Amino acid sequence: MPTLTASPTLGDLLKHEYDKDYCREAVLLAPGDALPAGTVLGRIASSGQYKPATATGSDGAQIACAVLLVEVAASAQPRPALILARGPAIVSAAALSFDASVDAEAERAEKLAQLSAHGIVARPTV
């Protein structure tokens, strides 16, 4: 019998938020690959668009400031997305997805600290 798997739901990711009308924002993501819900995002300073927060860089997106709340398909054009932009909010650390350049534990800890500065706290088990 085949094993069935389901994509993570918003409830798997978002454990608590103060008020969805305050914490969430509709934004544009930069063109690129498909992104799963829970992707840690940074904001590109020049365009205001969001993309996965990178380990290094100089475009502003190296600073984690949001979490993608719904998966987004790949596109060559900017695409609309719903993000968790500010807290107070608690997310599941296990449900977060990082850019491939964020591959060391210290880099992940740095991204979590950057999210915390925006009131988004990641908990290991909630």
Protein backbone atom coordinates (compact mmCIF):
# COMPACT_ATOMS: atom_id res chain seq x y z
CA MET A 1 0.00 0.00 0.00
CA PRO A 2 1.48 3.44 -0.90
CA THR A 3 2.35 5.93 1.80
CA LEU A 4 0.36 9.13 1.61
CA THR A 5 1.98 12.41 2.55
CA ALA A 6 0.42 15.82 2.88
CA SER A 7 1.96 19.22 2.44
CA PRO A 8 2.39 21.17 5.67
CA THR A 9 -0.61 23.28 6.58
CA LEU A 10 -0.72 26.80 7.96
CA GLY A 11 -1.45 25.22 11.36
CA ASP A 12 1.79 23.23 11.16
CA LEU A 13 3.74 26.47 10.68
CA LEU A 14 1.92 29.25 12.51
CA LYS A 15 1.32 28.46 16.17
CA HIS A 16 0.24 31.87 17.46
CA GLU A 17 -0.20 35.39 16.15
CA TYR A 18 -1.48 38.50 17.84
CA ASP A 19 -3.91 39.51 15.08
CA LYS A 20 -3.88 38.31 11.47
CA ASP A 21 -4.85 41.77 10.22
CA TYR A 22 -1.80 43.23 11.96
CA CYS A 23 0.79 40.46 11.50
CA ARG A 24 0.19 39.48 7.87
CA GLU A 25 0.90 41.38 4.65
CA ALA A 26 0.16 40.77 0.98
CA VAL A 27 3.43 41.41 -0.90
CA LEU A 28 5.25 40.64 -4.14
CA LEU A 29 7.89 37.94 -4.32
CA ALA A 30 10.78 38.34 -6.73
CA PRO A 31 10.68 36.04 -9.78
CA GLY A 32 12.13 32.61 -9.11
CA ASP A 33 11.60 29.01 -8.11
CA ALA A 34 8.59 27.59 -6.30
CA LEU A 35 8.72 28.25 -2.56
CA PRO A 36 7.10 26.19 0.20
CA ALA A 37 5.12 27.67 3.05
CA GLY A 38 7.51 28.44 5.89
CA THR A 39 10.26 29.92 3.70
CA VAL A 40 12.24 32.54 5.61
CA LEU A 41 12.24 35.73 3.53
CA GLY A 42 14.30 38.89 3.20
CA ARG A 43 13.28 42.15 1.49
CA ILE A 44 15.18 43.46 -1.53
CA ALA A 45 15.81 47.13 -0.70
CA SER A 46 15.75 48.46 -4.27
CA SER A 47 12.46 46.84 -5.39
CA GLY A 48 10.63 46.13 -2.13
CA GLN A 49 10.05 42.57 -3.31
CA TYR A 50 10.79 39.58 -1.10
CA LYS A 51 12.93 36.50 -1.74
CA PRO A 52 14.43 33.74 0.40
CA ALA A 53 16.79 35.28 2.95
CA THR A 54 20.35 34.49 1.92
CA ALA A 55 23.37 33.90 4.16
CA THR A 56 25.27 36.83 2.63
CA GLY A 57 24.61 39.61 0.15
CA SER A 58 24.15 43.32 -0.21
CA ASP A 59 20.65 43.73 -1.68
CA GLY A 60 18.90 43.70 1.72
CA ALA A 61 17.52 40.17 1.36
CA GLN A 62 20.31 38.80 3.55
CA ILE A 63 18.34 40.08 6.56
CA ALA A 64 15.45 37.76 7.46
CA CYS A 65 12.30 39.76 8.11
CA ALA A 66 9.29 37.60 7.20
CA VAL A 67 7.94 34.08 6.74
CA LEU A 68 5.96 32.89 3.71
CA LEU A 69 2.56 31.60 4.84
CA VAL A 70 1.40 29.80 1.67
CA GLU A 71 3.37 27.95 -0.98
CA VAL A 72 4.03 29.85 -4.19
CA ALA A 73 4.58 28.47 -7.69
CA ALA A 74 7.65 29.25 -9.79
CA SER A 75 7.37 32.27 -12.05
CA ALA A 76 9.47 34.48 -14.29
CA GLN A 77 7.41 37.45 -13.09
CA PRO A 78 6.92 38.96 -9.64
CA ARG A 79 4.16 37.03 -7.88
CA PRO A 80 1.76 37.88 -5.06
CA ALA A 81 2.22 36.18 -1.71
CA LEU A 82 0.95 36.24 1.85
CA ILE A 83 3.62 36.66 4.52
CA LEU A 84 3.94 36.87 8.28
CA ALA A 85 5.57 40.30 8.41
CA ARG A 86 5.59 41.10 12.11
CA GLY A 87 4.75 39.74 15.50
CA PRO A 88 3.99 39.07 18.13
CA ALA A 89 3.86 35.64 16.53
CA ILE A 90 5.20 32.14 17.19
CA VAL A 91 6.14 29.76 14.38
CA SER A 92 7.33 26.17 14.47
CA ALA A 93 11.09 26.03 13.87
CA ALA A 94 10.65 22.59 12.30
CA ALA A 95 8.31 24.02 9.64
CA LEU A 96 10.72 26.76 8.50
CA SER A 97 12.54 26.48 5.19
CA PHE A 98 15.82 28.29 4.52
CA ASP A 99 17.64 29.32 1.34
CA ALA A 100 20.30 26.78 0.25
CA SER A 101 23.04 29.29 1.19
CA VAL A 102 21.88 29.16 4.83
CA ASP A 103 23.36 25.73 5.48
CA ALA A 104 25.22 26.07 8.79
CA GLU A 105 23.56 25.93 12.20
CA ALA A 106 25.08 29.33 13.10
CA GLU A 107 23.58 30.89 9.96
CA ARG A 108 20.16 29.47 10.79
CA ALA A 109 20.44 30.80 14.34
CA GLU A 110 21.30 34.22 12.90
CA LYS A 111 18.18 34.15 10.66
CA LEU A 112 16.02 33.18 13.65
CA ALA A 113 17.49 36.09 15.64
CA GLN A 114 16.70 38.44 12.75
CA LEU A 115 13.10 37.19 12.68
CA SER A 116 12.91 37.66 16.43
CA ALA A 117 13.78 41.34 15.96
CA HIS A 118 10.49 41.57 14.00
CA GLY A 119 8.56 39.83 16.78
CA ILE A 120 8.49 36.45 14.99
CA VAL A 121 9.73 33.81 17.41
CA ALA A 122 10.54 30.26 16.31
CA ARG A 123 10.01 27.53 18.90
CA PRO A 124 11.41 24.01 18.53
CA THR A 125 8.22 22.36 19.77
CA VAL A 126 4.96 24.14 20.29
